[in-house]
Amino acid sequence: MPQDLNQLTNAELKRYLSEHRNNDEAFHEALQVLMSRRDPNAITYPYPYDMADPEREVEAIFRERISQIERDRSTG
């Protein structure tokens, strides 16, 4: 009997994905459940190949993220 993937925690789902990586159907189903749990408000970044100047744009993303972490640490 198949597991109810919706009842698994994210860590359990990731383990399930690892254990079933060669079973396309099981892997796809578990991945769909895991992806459905993503925060719709989470920050998303473009894929580097879709950028006009990937090196500069990725560097800017990293610099902004590092600055944000440093600001959070100094206020927390």
N, C-alpha and C. Protein backbone atom coordinates (compact mmCIF):
# COMPACT_ATOMS: atom_id res chain seq x y z
N MET A 1 0.84 -1.18 0.00
CA MET A 1 0.00 0.00 0.00
C MET A 1 0.89 1.25 0.00
N PRO A 2 0.66 2.18 -0.91
CA PRO A 2 1.50 3.38 -0.98
C PRO A 2 1.30 4.28 0.23
N GLN A 3 2.37 5.00 0.57
CA GLN A 3 2.30 5.93 1.69
C GLN A 3 1.46 7.15 1.30
N ASP A 4 0.85 7.79 2.30
CA ASP A 4 0.17 9.06 2.05
C ASP A 4 1.25 10.13 2.15
N LEU A 5 1.73 10.58 1.01
CA LEU A 5 2.84 11.51 0.98
C LEU A 5 2.50 12.84 1.63
N ASN A 6 1.24 13.20 1.66
CA ASN A 6 0.83 14.46 2.28
C ASN A 6 1.03 14.44 3.80
N GLN A 7 1.14 13.26 4.38
CA GLN A 7 1.31 13.15 5.83
C GLN A 7 2.78 13.21 6.24
N LEU A 8 3.70 13.12 5.28
CA LEU A 8 5.13 13.14 5.59
C LEU A 8 5.62 14.56 5.80
N THR A 9 6.62 14.70 6.66
CA THR A 9 7.27 16.00 6.83
C THR A 9 8.15 16.27 5.61
N ASN A 10 8.64 17.48 5.49
CA ASN A 10 9.53 17.80 4.36
C ASN A 10 10.79 16.93 4.40
N ALA A 11 11.34 16.73 5.58
CA ALA A 11 12.55 15.90 5.71
C ALA A 11 12.24 14.47 5.29
N GLU A 12 11.08 13.96 5.68
CA GLU A 12 10.69 12.60 5.29
C GLU A 12 10.47 12.51 3.78
N LEU A 13 9.87 13.56 3.20
CA LEU A 13 9.67 13.58 1.76
C LEU A 13 11.00 13.57 1.02
N LYS A 14 11.96 14.34 1.49
CA LYS A 14 13.28 14.37 0.86
C LYS A 14 13.95 13.00 0.94
N ARG A 15 13.81 12.34 2.06
CA ARG A 15 14.36 10.99 2.21
C ARG A 15 13.65 10.04 1.25
N TYR A 16 12.34 10.17 1.15
CA TYR A 16 11.54 9.35 0.23
C TYR A 16 12.00 9.57 -1.21
N LEU A 17 12.23 10.82 -1.58
CA LEU A 17 12.72 11.13 -2.93
C LEU A 17 14.06 10.45 -3.18
N SER A 18 14.93 10.51 -2.19
CA SER A 18 16.24 9.88 -2.34
C SER A 18 16.12 8.37 -2.50
N GLU A 19 15.25 7.78 -1.73
CA GLU A 19 15.08 6.32 -1.77
C GLU A 19 14.38 5.84 -3.04
N HIS A 20 13.58 6.72 -3.65
CA HIS A 20 12.80 6.34 -4.84
C HIS A 20 13.25 7.09 -6.10
N ARG A 21 14.51 7.49 -6.13
CA ARG A 21 15.00 8.30 -7.25
C ARG A 21 14.96 7.56 -8.58
N ASN A 22 14.90 6.23 -8.57
CA ASN A 22 14.87 5.46 -9.81
C ASN A 22 13.45 5.04 -10.21
N ASN A 23 12.47 5.40 -9.40
CA ASN A 23 11.07 5.10 -9.69
C ASN A 23 10.40 6.40 -10.13
N ASP A 24 10.29 6.58 -11.44
CA ASP A 24 9.79 7.86 -11.97
C ASP A 24 8.45 8.27 -11.41
N GLU A 25 7.53 7.35 -11.32
CA GLU A 25 6.18 7.68 -10.85
C GLU A 25 6.19 8.11 -9.38
N ALA A 26 6.85 7.34 -8.52
CA ALA A 26 6.90 7.67 -7.10
C ALA A 26 7.66 8.98 -6.87
N PHE A 27 8.76 9.16 -7.59
CA PHE A 27 9.56 10.36 -7.44
C PHE A 27 8.76 11.60 -7.85
N HIS A 28 8.09 11.51 -8.98
CA HIS A 28 7.30 12.64 -9.48
C HIS A 28 6.19 13.01 -8.49
N GLU A 29 5.50 12.01 -7.98
CA GLU A 29 4.41 12.27 -7.04
C GLU A 29 4.93 12.94 -5.77
N ALA A 30 6.02 12.44 -5.22
CA ALA A 30 6.58 13.02 -4.00
C ALA A 30 7.11 14.43 -4.25
N LEU A 31 7.73 14.64 -5.40
CA LEU A 31 8.25 15.97 -5.72
C LEU A 31 7.11 16.98 -5.86
N GLN A 32 6.00 16.56 -6.44
CA GLN A 32 4.83 17.44 -6.57
C GLN A 32 4.33 17.86 -5.19
N VAL A 33 4.28 16.93 -4.25
CA VAL A 33 3.83 17.25 -2.89
C VAL A 33 4.80 18.24 -2.25
N LEU A 34 6.09 17.97 -2.37
CA LEU A 34 7.09 18.85 -1.76
C LEU A 34 7.03 20.25 -2.38
N MET A 35 6.93 20.33 -3.69
CA MET A 35 6.88 21.63 -4.36
C MET A 35 5.60 22.40 -4.03
N SER A 36 4.52 21.69 -3.75
CA SER A 36 3.27 22.37 -3.42
C SER A 36 3.34 23.07 -2.07
N ARG A 37 4.34 22.73 -1.27
CA ARG A 37 4.49 23.34 0.05
C ARG A 37 5.34 24.60 0.04
N ARG A 38 5.83 24.99 -1.12
CA ARG A 38 6.67 26.19 -1.20
C ARG A 38 5.88 27.41 -0.78
N ASP A 39 6.56 28.34 -0.18
CA ASP A 39 5.97 29.62 0.21
C ASP A 39 5.74 30.45 -1.04
N PRO A 40 4.50 30.80 -1.35
CA PRO A 40 4.25 31.58 -2.57
C PRO A 40 4.85 32.99 -2.51
N ASN A 41 5.20 33.45 -1.32
CA ASN A 41 5.78 34.77 -1.16
C ASN A 41 7.30 34.75 -1.10
N ALA A 42 7.90 33.58 -1.26
CA ALA A 42 9.35 33.46 -1.19
C ALA A 42 9.99 34.21 -2.36
N ILE A 43 11.17 34.74 -2.09
CA ILE A 43 11.91 35.44 -3.13
C ILE A 43 12.40 34.42 -4.15
N THR A 44 12.19 34.72 -5.42
CA THR A 44 12.70 33.86 -6.48
C THR A 44 13.73 34.64 -7.29
N TYR A 45 14.70 33.92 -7.79
CA TYR A 45 15.76 34.54 -8.58
C TYR A 45 15.74 33.93 -9.97
N PRO A 46 16.10 34.73 -10.96
CA PRO A 46 16.11 34.22 -12.33
C PRO A 46 17.23 33.21 -12.54
N TYR A 47 17.02 32.33 -13.48
CA TYR A 47 18.04 31.36 -13.85
C TYR A 47 19.15 32.13 -14.57
N PRO A 48 20.42 31.91 -14.23
CA PRO A 48 21.50 32.70 -14.83
C PRO A 48 21.51 32.73 -16.36
N TYR A 49 21.12 31.65 -17.01
CA TYR A 49 21.13 31.64 -18.47
C TYR A 49 20.08 32.58 -19.07
N ASP A 50 19.12 33.01 -18.24
CA ASP A 50 18.10 33.94 -18.71
C ASP A 50 18.49 35.40 -18.49
N MET A 51 19.66 35.62 -17.91
CA MET A 51 20.10 36.97 -17.61
C MET A 51 20.93 37.52 -18.77
N ALA A 52 20.88 38.85 -18.91
CA ALA A 52 21.66 39.51 -19.96
C ALA A 52 23.15 39.45 -19.65
N ASP A 53 23.52 39.71 -18.37
CA ASP A 53 24.92 39.67 -17.94
C ASP A 53 24.99 38.85 -16.66
N PRO A 54 24.98 37.52 -16.79
CA PRO A 54 24.87 36.65 -15.61
C PRO A 54 25.91 36.90 -14.53
N GLU A 55 27.16 37.09 -14.92
CA GLU A 55 28.21 37.27 -13.91
C GLU A 55 27.94 38.48 -13.03
N ARG A 56 27.63 39.58 -13.64
CA ARG A 56 27.38 40.81 -12.87
C ARG A 56 26.08 40.72 -12.08
N GLU A 57 25.04 40.18 -12.68
CA GLU A 57 23.73 40.12 -12.02
C GLU A 57 23.74 39.14 -10.84
N VAL A 58 24.39 38.00 -11.01
CA VAL A 58 24.47 37.03 -9.90
C VAL A 58 25.30 37.62 -8.77
N GLU A 59 26.38 38.30 -9.11
CA GLU A 59 27.20 38.94 -8.08
C GLU A 59 26.37 39.97 -7.31
N ALA A 60 25.55 40.74 -8.00
CA ALA A 60 24.71 41.74 -7.34
C ALA A 60 23.70 41.06 -6.40
N ILE A 61 23.14 39.94 -6.83
CA ILE A 61 22.20 39.20 -5.98
C ILE A 61 22.90 38.72 -4.72
N PHE A 62 24.11 38.16 -4.87
CA PHE A 62 24.86 37.69 -3.70
C PHE A 62 25.21 38.84 -2.77
N ARG A 63 25.66 39.95 -3.34
CA ARG A 63 26.02 41.10 -2.50
C ARG A 63 24.81 41.62 -1.72
N GLU A 64 23.67 41.70 -2.36
CA GLU A 64 22.46 42.17 -1.67
C GLU A 64 22.06 41.21 -0.56
N ARG A 65 22.15 39.92 -0.84
CA ARG A 65 21.78 38.92 0.18
C ARG A 65 22.74 38.98 1.36
N ILE A 66 24.03 39.13 1.10
CA ILE A 66 25.02 39.24 2.18
C ILE A 66 24.75 40.49 3.00
N SER A 67 24.45 41.60 2.34
CA SER A 67 24.12 42.84 3.06
C SER A 67 22.90 42.67 3.93
N GLN A 68 21.89 41.97 3.40
CA GLN A 68 20.68 41.72 4.17
C GLN A 68 20.98 40.88 5.41
N ILE A 69 21.78 39.85 5.27
CA ILE A 69 22.15 39.01 6.41
C ILE A 69 22.91 39.82 7.45
N GLU A 70 23.84 40.65 6.99
CA GLU A 70 24.61 41.49 7.92
C GLU A 70 23.70 42.48 8.64
N ARG A 71 22.72 43.07 7.94
CA ARG A 71 21.78 43.99 8.58
C ARG A 71 20.95 43.25 9.63
N ASP A 72 20.50 42.05 9.29
CA ASP A 72 19.69 41.26 10.22
C ASP A 72 20.49 40.92 11.47
N ARG A 73 21.74 40.58 11.31
CA ARG A 73 22.60 40.24 12.46
C ARG A 73 22.85 41.44 13.35
N SER A 74 23.00 42.62 12.75
CA SER A 74 23.30 43.81 13.55
C SER A 74 22.07 44.32 14.30
N THR A 75 20.86 44.00 13.81
CA THR A 75 19.64 44.44 14.49
C THR A 75 19.09 43.38 15.42
N GLY A 76 19.59 42.17 15.32
CA GLY A 76 19.02 41.06 16.10
C GLY A 76 19.81 40.73 17.24
